[in-house]
Amino acid sequence: MTISPNKFVACGYELYVGSGDERILMEATTPEQPLEYIQGMGMMLPEFEKHLLGLKAGDKFDFTLSVDEAYGPRVDEAVQELPREIFLDQNGDLDAMVQEGATLPLYTPDGQTVRGSVLEIKDSVVVMDFNHPLAGEELHFVGEVLDVHEATPEEVEKFFGGHEGCGCGCGHDHEHEHNHEDEGCGGCCGCH
């Protein structure tokens, strides 16, 4: 069976960023935790899915997504200073999760969840970066397709049921203290 729309896909991969001799390993799946998704459901970067389209279990892949095919260029306007008081806990202290380098879920006035990285904590503001962590990077994927099959109702529920995980197949709830980028579960998936 080949990868086509609505098929469950599991693959192992290594993701490198940079170009030429300057490439560094950014993340890698493990045999216990491969990348899992359903093709054509908007779970992955569109260009990532295009490169896997037509492959079958056992096929290897090696491709690069340009900055524009991946998360686009970094945008200076996505770095913002937010009032420190919005990060205070009920005791009036800075929330323990607010540390330089941490990625936090925040909510827009209309209730949308956005993720931002803490760049700097100042006396009256917290400097946040709302660029995707891989913005401005070429993404080089090297890997192998491990499984392709018709998605079961249970797999569809796992990804889209709204109560188990973020929809990327890693099994974690990203709204509750799980950092995609640190745990190698496919931070490129675009689920946050």
Protein backbone atom coordinates (compact mmCIF):
# COMPACT_ATOMS: atom_id res chain seq x y z
CA MET A 1 0.00 0.00 0.00
CA THR A 2 1.34 3.43 -0.91
CA ILE A 3 0.96 6.73 0.90
CA SER A 4 -2.12 8.50 -0.42
CA PRO A 5 -4.86 10.69 1.10
CA ASN A 6 -6.47 9.36 4.29
CA LYS A 7 -3.81 6.68 4.87
CA PHE A 8 -2.22 6.26 8.29
CA VAL A 9 1.54 6.79 7.99
CA ALA A 10 4.32 5.98 10.45
CA CYS A 11 7.89 6.92 9.67
CA GLY A 12 11.23 7.35 11.35
CA TYR A 13 13.36 10.32 10.46
CA GLU A 14 16.19 12.63 11.38
CA LEU A 15 15.67 16.35 10.84
CA TYR A 16 18.67 18.54 10.08
CA VAL A 17 18.69 22.33 9.83
CA GLY A 18 21.18 24.55 8.08
CA SER A 19 22.78 23.99 4.71
CA GLY A 20 25.80 22.22 3.28
CA ASP A 21 28.47 21.35 5.84
CA GLU A 22 26.69 23.53 8.40
CA ARG A 23 23.79 21.10 8.94
CA ILE A 24 23.04 20.10 12.51
CA LEU A 25 20.68 17.44 13.82
CA MET A 26 17.59 19.17 15.23
CA GLU A 27 15.41 16.19 16.13
CA ALA A 28 14.99 12.49 15.52
CA THR A 29 12.26 9.97 16.09
CA THR A 30 12.87 6.76 18.00
CA PRO A 31 11.66 3.23 17.23
CA GLU A 32 9.32 3.53 20.23
CA GLN A 33 7.99 6.88 19.09
CA PRO A 34 7.87 7.23 15.30
CA LEU A 35 6.12 10.12 13.59
CA GLU A 36 2.50 9.13 12.96
CA TYR A 37 -0.07 11.07 10.96
CA ILE A 38 -2.90 10.68 8.47
CA GLN A 39 -1.93 11.80 4.97
CA GLY A 40 -3.87 14.74 3.56
CA MET A 41 -5.50 15.82 6.82
CA GLY A 42 -3.41 18.97 7.33
CA MET A 43 -1.37 17.46 10.14
CA MET A 44 2.00 17.91 8.46
CA LEU A 45 3.65 20.59 6.37
CA PRO A 46 2.12 20.31 2.88
CA GLU A 47 5.52 19.97 1.20
CA PHE A 48 6.54 17.22 3.66
CA GLU A 49 3.45 15.23 2.65
CA LYS A 50 4.14 15.82 -1.07
CA HIS A 51 7.58 14.23 -0.70
CA LEU A 52 6.13 11.11 0.95
CA LEU A 53 3.17 10.75 -1.41
CA GLY A 54 3.39 7.42 -3.27
CA LEU A 55 6.00 5.84 -0.97
CA LYS A 56 5.36 2.54 0.80
CA ALA A 57 6.61 0.80 3.95
CA GLY A 58 10.34 0.19 3.64
CA ASP A 59 10.95 3.11 1.26
CA LYS A 60 13.62 5.56 2.32
CA PHE A 61 13.46 9.32 1.81
CA ASP A 62 15.97 12.17 1.78
CA PHE A 63 14.77 15.67 0.88
CA THR A 64 15.10 19.32 1.82
CA LEU A 65 12.32 21.86 2.32
CA SER A 66 13.26 25.46 1.59
CA VAL A 67 12.51 28.17 4.14
CA ASP A 68 9.38 29.10 2.18
CA GLU A 69 8.22 25.46 1.96
CA ALA A 70 8.74 25.01 5.70
CA TYR A 71 7.90 27.73 8.25
CA GLY A 72 8.87 30.82 6.29
CA PRO A 73 11.40 33.51 7.22
CA ARG A 74 11.71 34.90 10.72
CA VAL A 75 9.56 38.01 11.20
CA ASP A 76 10.86 40.81 13.43
CA GLU A 77 7.31 41.86 14.34
CA ALA A 78 6.76 38.42 15.94
CA VAL A 79 9.11 39.45 18.78
CA GLN A 80 7.01 41.40 21.26
CA GLU A 81 7.27 42.88 24.72
CA LEU A 82 4.32 41.85 26.89
CA PRO A 83 3.46 43.32 30.31
CA ARG A 84 5.07 41.30 33.08
CA GLU A 85 1.80 41.31 35.08
CA ILE A 86 0.12 38.91 32.65
CA PHE A 87 2.69 36.28 33.70
CA LEU A 88 2.07 36.57 37.45
CA ASP A 89 0.57 33.71 39.45
CA GLN A 90 -2.23 34.10 42.01
CA ASN A 91 0.32 35.17 44.66
CA GLY A 92 1.63 37.99 42.48
CA ASP A 93 4.91 36.20 41.71
CA LEU A 94 6.26 35.46 38.25
CA ASP A 95 4.88 32.05 37.24
CA ALA A 96 7.54 29.33 37.59
CA MET A 97 7.08 28.32 33.94
CA VAL A 98 8.22 31.77 32.76
CA GLN A 99 11.94 31.27 32.24
CA GLU A 100 14.25 32.37 29.45
CA GLY A 101 14.16 29.74 26.71
CA ALA A 102 10.80 28.29 27.78
CA THR A 103 8.00 27.88 25.24
CA LEU A 104 4.62 28.89 26.62
CA PRO A 105 1.03 28.68 25.40
CA LEU A 106 -0.66 32.08 25.43
CA TYR A 107 -4.14 33.14 24.35
CA THR A 108 -5.12 35.91 21.98
CA PRO A 109 -8.07 38.19 22.84
CA ASP A 110 -10.30 36.04 20.61
CA GLY A 111 -9.31 32.83 22.44
CA GLN A 112 -6.79 31.40 19.95
CA THR A 113 -3.81 29.57 21.43
CA VAL A 114 -0.39 30.77 20.30
CA ARG A 115 2.99 29.50 21.42
CA GLY A 116 5.87 31.80 22.15
CA SER A 117 9.39 31.47 23.46
CA VAL A 118 10.61 33.62 26.34
CA LEU A 119 13.65 35.58 25.11
CA GLU A 120 14.18 37.88 28.10
CA ILE A 121 12.56 38.77 31.41
CA LYS A 122 12.82 42.47 32.28
CA ASP A 123 11.53 44.50 35.22
CA SER A 124 8.24 45.48 33.58
CA VAL A 125 7.99 43.32 30.45
CA VAL A 126 8.65 39.80 29.17
CA VAL A 127 10.13 39.65 25.66
CA MET A 128 8.42 36.88 23.69
CA ASP A 129 9.23 35.43 20.26
CA PHE A 130 6.16 34.14 18.40
CA ASN A 131 8.11 32.95 15.36
CA HIS A 132 7.95 29.18 14.89
CA PRO A 133 11.18 27.73 16.36
CA LEU A 134 12.16 26.52 12.87
CA ALA A 135 11.29 29.75 11.04
CA GLY A 136 14.13 30.86 8.79
CA GLU A 137 15.54 27.33 8.52
CA GLU A 138 15.88 24.90 5.63
CA LEU A 139 14.65 21.51 6.84
CA HIS A 140 16.49 18.39 5.65
CA PHE A 141 14.68 15.10 6.33
CA VAL A 142 16.32 11.69 6.10
CA GLY A 143 14.25 8.67 7.02
CA GLU A 144 12.18 5.62 6.21
CA VAL A 145 8.49 4.85 5.91
CA LEU A 146 7.67 2.24 8.57
CA ASP A 147 3.96 1.63 8.02
CA VAL A 148 1.14 2.62 5.68
CA HIS A 149 -2.43 1.39 6.11
CA GLU A 150 -6.04 2.50 6.01
CA ALA A 151 -6.65 4.72 9.04
CA THR A 152 -8.83 2.95 11.61
CA PRO A 153 -11.65 4.75 13.44
CA GLU A 154 -9.50 4.56 16.59
CA GLU A 155 -6.60 6.27 14.84
CA VAL A 156 -8.86 9.00 13.51
CA GLU A 157 -10.22 9.48 17.05
CA LYS A 158 -6.66 9.60 18.43
CA PHE A 159 -5.74 12.42 16.07
CA PHE A 160 -8.98 14.34 15.80
CA GLY A 161 -11.07 13.35 18.83
CA GLY A 162 -10.03 16.47 20.76
CA HIS A 163 -9.30 14.69 24.00
CA GLU A 164 -6.17 12.66 23.48
CA GLY A 165 -3.05 14.47 22.40
CA CYS A 166 -2.46 17.36 20.02
CA GLY A 167 -3.15 15.48 16.82
CA CYS A 168 0.42 14.79 15.76
CA GLY A 169 0.48 11.21 16.95
CA CYS A 170 2.96 11.73 19.75
CA GLY A 171 0.30 11.05 22.38
CA HIS A 172 0.99 14.21 24.38
CA ASP A 173 -1.35 17.04 25.25
CA HIS A 174 0.63 20.09 24.14
CA GLU A 175 -1.42 22.49 26.18
CA HIS A 176 -0.11 20.92 29.36
CA GLU A 177 3.64 21.17 29.88
CA HIS A 178 4.93 19.22 26.90
CA ASN A 179 7.58 20.77 24.72
CA HIS A 180 7.45 19.25 21.24
CA GLU A 181 10.89 20.43 20.30
CA ASP A 182 12.60 18.92 23.36
CA GLU A 183 11.00 15.48 23.25
CA GLY A 184 11.57 14.58 19.62
CA CYS A 185 7.97 13.75 18.78
CA GLY A 186 7.90 15.60 15.51
CA GLY A 187 8.09 19.30 16.29
CA CYS A 188 7.91 19.91 12.59
CA CYS A 189 4.36 18.66 12.54
CA GLY A 190 2.84 22.11 12.70
CA CYS A 191 0.38 21.21 15.42
CA HIS A 192 1.34 24.27 17.44
